[in-house]
Amino acid sequence: MKPINNKPPSLALVLLNKLLPDSVNDDISGDLIEEFNQSDSSNLVNNFLFWKSTFSACWRYTMNKQLYLSLGLAVISLTIFYMLIKAVVFLSVADDPLFLKDYWMNGDIHLLFAEGFFWSNSFGSNAYKLDWGMLVHDWSIAWSIISYTVLHLLDKRHKFRLFGYACAAFIVCFTPYLYGALTLRFSDLPLTEIGPLIAFMWISIIYLVLPLSYELIQKIRQQNSSIQA
């Protein structure tokens, strides 16, 4: 005799709804619910089998190229964000001899990140000494708002695919850095102008890297859903 029917585990249904692509969600969820309702096993066994099938389906559709790309992009963007925040904090408490390094004048300021003393310097203790108003930079705010808005409008109009949007996002994010590096290399700027230029180079990226990475992850998800449709 078939046992009293019990509804499938609600949390498992939530996982299916959240993790499966829209193109296959209804079909897979419907099949699993139908199997659950037609089973003559006990409710305990039914729940176990439903959870097993849920994990199997979610694993199949999430542990794929989309997830690896999304995780990789998230790690890269968070690493860049952390490195630049650490750089701003570090420079706010650095000793004057540091600024005698050649790379501050010739545009190779990325060499700071290869310095052992940069990584050995404590981020946490120095962060308390930072005037966080240093991260409010007018030119960086203007560039970030204007460039992000233009990219959003262009994407809305032309529906960029993943590669096209990634190229555009890279240009938007790192143009200030390239501009600053070239300016430092080919112009003889006074020291009073180098600091604001470096701030523009770094703080613009701090503002843009996370929102642009989020948009790219959404593009990855959309492209994966369209392929599976």
Protein backbone atom coordinates (compact mmCIF):
# COMPACT_ATOMS: atom_id res chain seq x y z
CA MET A 1 0.00 0.00 0.00
CA LYS A 2 1.36 3.42 -0.95
CA PRO A 3 2.19 5.49 2.13
CA ILE A 4 0.53 8.79 2.88
CA ASN A 5 1.96 11.21 0.36
CA ASN A 6 4.24 13.85 1.76
CA LYS A 7 5.35 16.94 -0.11
CA PRO A 8 8.93 17.00 -1.42
CA PRO A 9 11.40 18.76 0.88
CA SER A 10 10.81 22.48 0.48
CA LEU A 11 14.49 23.37 0.86
CA ALA A 12 15.40 20.96 -1.94
CA LEU A 13 12.83 22.67 -4.18
CA VAL A 14 14.39 26.03 -3.35
CA LEU A 15 17.84 24.72 -4.31
CA LEU A 16 16.50 23.45 -7.61
CA ASN A 17 14.85 26.79 -8.31
CA LYS A 18 17.95 28.82 -7.45
CA LEU A 19 20.71 26.68 -8.96
CA LEU A 20 19.21 25.18 -12.11
CA PRO A 21 19.14 27.25 -15.32
CA ASP A 22 15.68 28.57 -16.18
CA SER A 23 15.68 26.57 -19.40
CA VAL A 24 15.70 23.21 -17.58
CA ASN A 25 14.35 24.09 -14.13
CA ASP A 26 10.69 23.32 -14.78
CA ASP A 27 11.36 20.01 -16.58
CA ILE A 28 13.81 18.63 -14.01
CA SER A 29 11.83 19.80 -10.98
CA GLY A 30 8.65 18.44 -12.49
CA ASP A 31 10.20 15.02 -13.16
CA LEU A 32 11.62 14.78 -9.63
CA ILE A 33 8.30 15.78 -8.05
CA GLU A 34 6.45 13.25 -10.22
CA GLU A 35 8.85 10.47 -9.22
CA PHE A 36 8.41 11.47 -5.58
CA ASN A 37 4.62 11.34 -5.78
CA GLN A 38 4.55 8.02 -7.64
CA SER A 39 6.98 6.22 -5.37
CA ASP A 40 5.63 3.45 -3.10
CA SER A 41 8.53 3.79 -0.69
CA SER A 42 8.30 5.30 2.77
CA ASN A 43 8.37 9.05 3.17
CA LEU A 44 11.85 8.81 4.70
CA VAL A 45 13.16 6.93 1.66
CA ASN A 46 11.32 9.29 -0.68
CA ASN A 47 12.92 12.32 0.96
CA PHE A 48 16.35 10.75 0.81
CA LEU A 49 16.00 9.90 -2.88
CA PHE A 50 14.63 13.35 -3.66
CA TRP A 51 17.59 15.02 -1.94
CA LYS A 52 19.98 12.69 -3.75
CA SER A 53 18.48 13.57 -7.11
CA THR A 54 18.47 17.27 -6.19
CA PHE A 55 22.18 17.28 -5.37
CA SER A 56 22.95 15.31 -8.52
CA ALA A 57 21.04 17.73 -10.75
CA CYS A 58 22.45 20.84 -9.07
CA TRP A 59 25.99 19.48 -9.27
CA ARG A 60 25.55 18.70 -12.96
CA TYR A 61 24.34 22.17 -13.84
CA THR A 62 26.47 24.28 -11.51
CA MET A 63 29.87 22.55 -11.48
CA ASN A 64 30.55 23.52 -15.06
CA LYS A 65 32.43 26.05 -17.14
CA GLN A 66 30.07 28.81 -16.00
CA LEU A 67 30.90 28.27 -12.35
CA TYR A 68 34.64 28.01 -12.93
CA LEU A 69 34.67 31.20 -14.99
CA SER A 70 32.53 33.03 -12.44
CA LEU A 71 34.65 31.90 -9.49
CA GLY A 72 37.87 32.71 -11.32
CA LEU A 73 36.62 36.17 -12.24
CA ALA A 74 35.45 36.80 -8.66
CA VAL A 75 38.84 35.76 -7.26
CA ILE A 76 40.74 37.96 -9.72
CA SER A 77 38.55 41.02 -9.14
CA LEU A 78 38.65 40.66 -5.34
CA THR A 79 42.43 40.22 -5.47
CA ILE A 80 42.85 43.40 -7.53
CA PHE A 81 40.48 45.27 -5.21
CA TYR A 82 42.38 44.11 -2.12
CA MET A 83 45.81 44.88 -3.59
CA LEU A 84 44.84 48.43 -4.51
CA ILE A 85 43.17 49.13 -1.17
CA LYS A 86 46.29 47.77 0.54
CA ALA A 87 48.44 49.99 -1.69
CA VAL A 88 46.49 53.11 -0.74
CA VAL A 89 46.72 52.20 2.95
CA PHE A 90 50.41 51.39 2.61
CA LEU A 91 51.28 54.66 0.88
CA SER A 92 49.37 56.68 3.45
CA VAL A 93 51.79 55.50 6.18
CA ALA A 94 54.95 54.84 4.11
CA ASP A 95 58.24 56.54 4.90
CA ASP A 96 59.58 59.21 2.57
CA PRO A 97 62.55 57.10 1.28
CA LEU A 98 60.05 54.79 -0.42
CA PHE A 99 59.11 57.55 -2.83
CA LEU A 100 62.67 57.82 -4.09
CA LYS A 101 62.14 54.59 -6.05
CA ASP A 102 62.47 55.12 -9.81
CA TYR A 103 59.15 53.49 -10.62
CA TRP A 104 57.19 56.41 -9.16
CA MET A 105 58.62 58.64 -11.87
CA ASN A 106 58.81 56.36 -14.93
CA GLY A 107 55.31 54.86 -14.82
CA ASP A 108 56.27 51.37 -13.65
CA ILE A 109 54.38 51.73 -10.37
CA HIS A 110 53.13 48.16 -10.67
CA LEU A 111 56.62 47.22 -9.41
CA LEU A 112 55.46 48.23 -5.94
CA PHE A 113 53.52 44.95 -5.81
CA ALA A 114 56.75 43.00 -6.29
CA GLU A 115 58.34 44.57 -3.24
CA GLY A 116 58.69 42.26 -0.25
CA PHE A 117 58.20 45.07 2.23
CA PHE A 118 54.81 45.85 0.65
CA TRP A 119 53.45 42.37 1.41
CA SER A 120 55.11 42.10 4.81
CA ASN A 121 53.53 45.35 5.92
CA SER A 122 50.50 44.83 8.17
CA PHE A 123 47.26 45.82 6.46
CA GLY A 124 45.02 45.65 9.52
CA SER A 125 46.98 47.92 11.84
CA ASN A 126 47.67 50.50 9.14
CA ALA A 127 44.05 50.60 8.04
CA TYR A 128 43.14 52.25 11.33
CA LYS A 129 45.58 55.06 10.56
CA LEU A 130 44.16 55.76 7.12
CA ASP A 131 42.00 58.76 6.43
CA TRP A 132 39.42 56.93 4.36
CA GLY A 133 38.55 60.20 2.71
CA MET A 134 41.63 59.50 0.59
CA LEU A 135 39.49 57.01 -1.32
CA VAL A 136 37.11 59.79 -2.36
CA HIS A 137 38.68 61.13 -5.53
CA ASP A 138 36.74 63.52 -7.78
CA TRP A 139 38.26 62.54 -11.11
CA SER A 140 37.91 58.85 -10.30
CA ILE A 141 34.26 59.33 -9.34
CA ALA A 142 33.57 61.23 -12.56
CA TRP A 143 35.35 58.66 -14.76
CA SER A 144 33.68 55.71 -13.03
CA ILE A 145 30.14 57.09 -13.26
CA ILE A 146 30.42 58.30 -16.85
CA SER A 147 32.24 55.26 -18.23
CA TYR A 148 30.03 52.74 -16.42
CA THR A 149 26.88 54.54 -17.57
CA VAL A 150 28.05 54.71 -21.18
CA LEU A 151 28.98 51.02 -21.15
CA HIS A 152 25.60 50.12 -19.64
CA LEU A 153 23.72 52.12 -22.30
CA LEU A 154 25.79 50.63 -25.12
CA ASP A 155 25.22 47.12 -23.79
CA LYS A 156 21.49 47.79 -23.48
CA ARG A 157 21.37 48.94 -27.08
CA HIS A 158 23.73 46.46 -28.75
CA LYS A 159 23.38 43.43 -26.42
CA PHE A 160 27.09 42.66 -26.17
CA ARG A 161 28.09 39.05 -25.95
CA LEU A 162 30.45 37.92 -23.21
CA PHE A 163 33.73 38.49 -25.06
CA GLY A 164 32.70 41.92 -26.33
CA TYR A 165 31.55 43.05 -22.92
CA ALA A 166 34.72 41.68 -21.29
CA CYS A 167 36.90 43.69 -23.69
CA ALA A 168 34.85 46.84 -23.12
CA ALA A 169 34.91 46.35 -19.34
CA PHE A 170 38.68 45.88 -19.37
CA ILE A 171 39.14 49.09 -21.36
CA VAL A 172 36.82 51.04 -19.05
CA CYS A 173 38.49 49.71 -15.90
CA PHE A 174 42.15 50.08 -16.87
CA THR A 175 42.19 53.13 -19.16
CA PRO A 176 43.00 55.46 -16.21
CA TYR A 177 45.94 53.23 -15.29
CA LEU A 178 47.26 53.16 -18.85
CA TYR A 179 46.80 56.91 -19.16
CA GLY A 180 48.70 57.51 -15.93
CA ALA A 181 51.52 55.11 -16.79
CA LEU A 182 52.06 56.73 -20.20
CA THR A 183 51.89 60.21 -18.72
CA LEU A 184 54.52 59.35 -16.12
CA ARG A 185 56.76 57.70 -18.71
CA PHE A 186 56.72 60.47 -21.29
CA SER A 187 56.17 63.59 -19.18
CA ASP A 188 58.39 65.15 -16.56
CA LEU A 189 55.81 65.87 -13.88
CA PRO A 190 56.58 67.64 -10.62
CA LEU A 191 56.21 65.54 -7.49
CA THR A 192 53.12 67.50 -6.46
CA GLU A 193 51.26 66.20 -9.53
CA ILE A 194 52.39 62.58 -9.35
CA GLY A 195 50.36 61.73 -6.23
CA PRO A 196 46.98 62.87 -7.66
CA LEU A 197 47.71 61.06 -10.92
CA ILE A 198 48.48 57.79 -9.12
CA ALA A 199 45.31 58.24 -7.09
CA PHE A 200 43.34 58.51 -10.35
CA MET A 201 45.07 55.41 -11.71
CA TRP A 202 44.31 53.25 -8.68
CA ILE A 203 41.08 54.58 -7.20
CA SER A 204 39.24 54.42 -10.53
CA ILE A 205 39.96 50.70 -10.63
CA ILE A 206 38.84 50.31 -7.01
CA TYR A 207 35.51 51.89 -7.92
CA LEU A 208 34.96 49.87 -11.10
CA VAL A 209 36.46 46.41 -10.71
CA LEU A 210 33.73 44.87 -8.54
CA PRO A 211 30.62 46.20 -10.36
CA LEU A 212 32.10 45.36 -13.75
CA SER A 213 33.01 41.87 -12.54
CA TYR A 214 29.44 41.40 -11.32
CA GLU A 215 28.11 42.40 -14.74
CA LEU A 216 30.50 39.94 -16.39
CA ILE A 217 29.36 37.13 -14.10
CA GLN A 218 25.77 37.91 -15.09
CA LYS A 219 26.81 37.74 -18.75
CA ILE A 220 28.42 34.35 -18.14
CA ARG A 221 25.21 33.10 -16.56
CA GLN A 222 23.05 34.43 -19.38
CA GLN A 223 25.28 32.91 -22.06
CA ASN A 224 25.28 29.55 -20.29
CA SER A 225 21.46 29.60 -20.03
CA SER A 226 21.08 30.41 -23.73
CA ILE A 227 23.42 27.55 -24.71
CA GLN A 228 21.47 25.06 -22.60
CA ALA A 229 18.08 26.29 -23.86
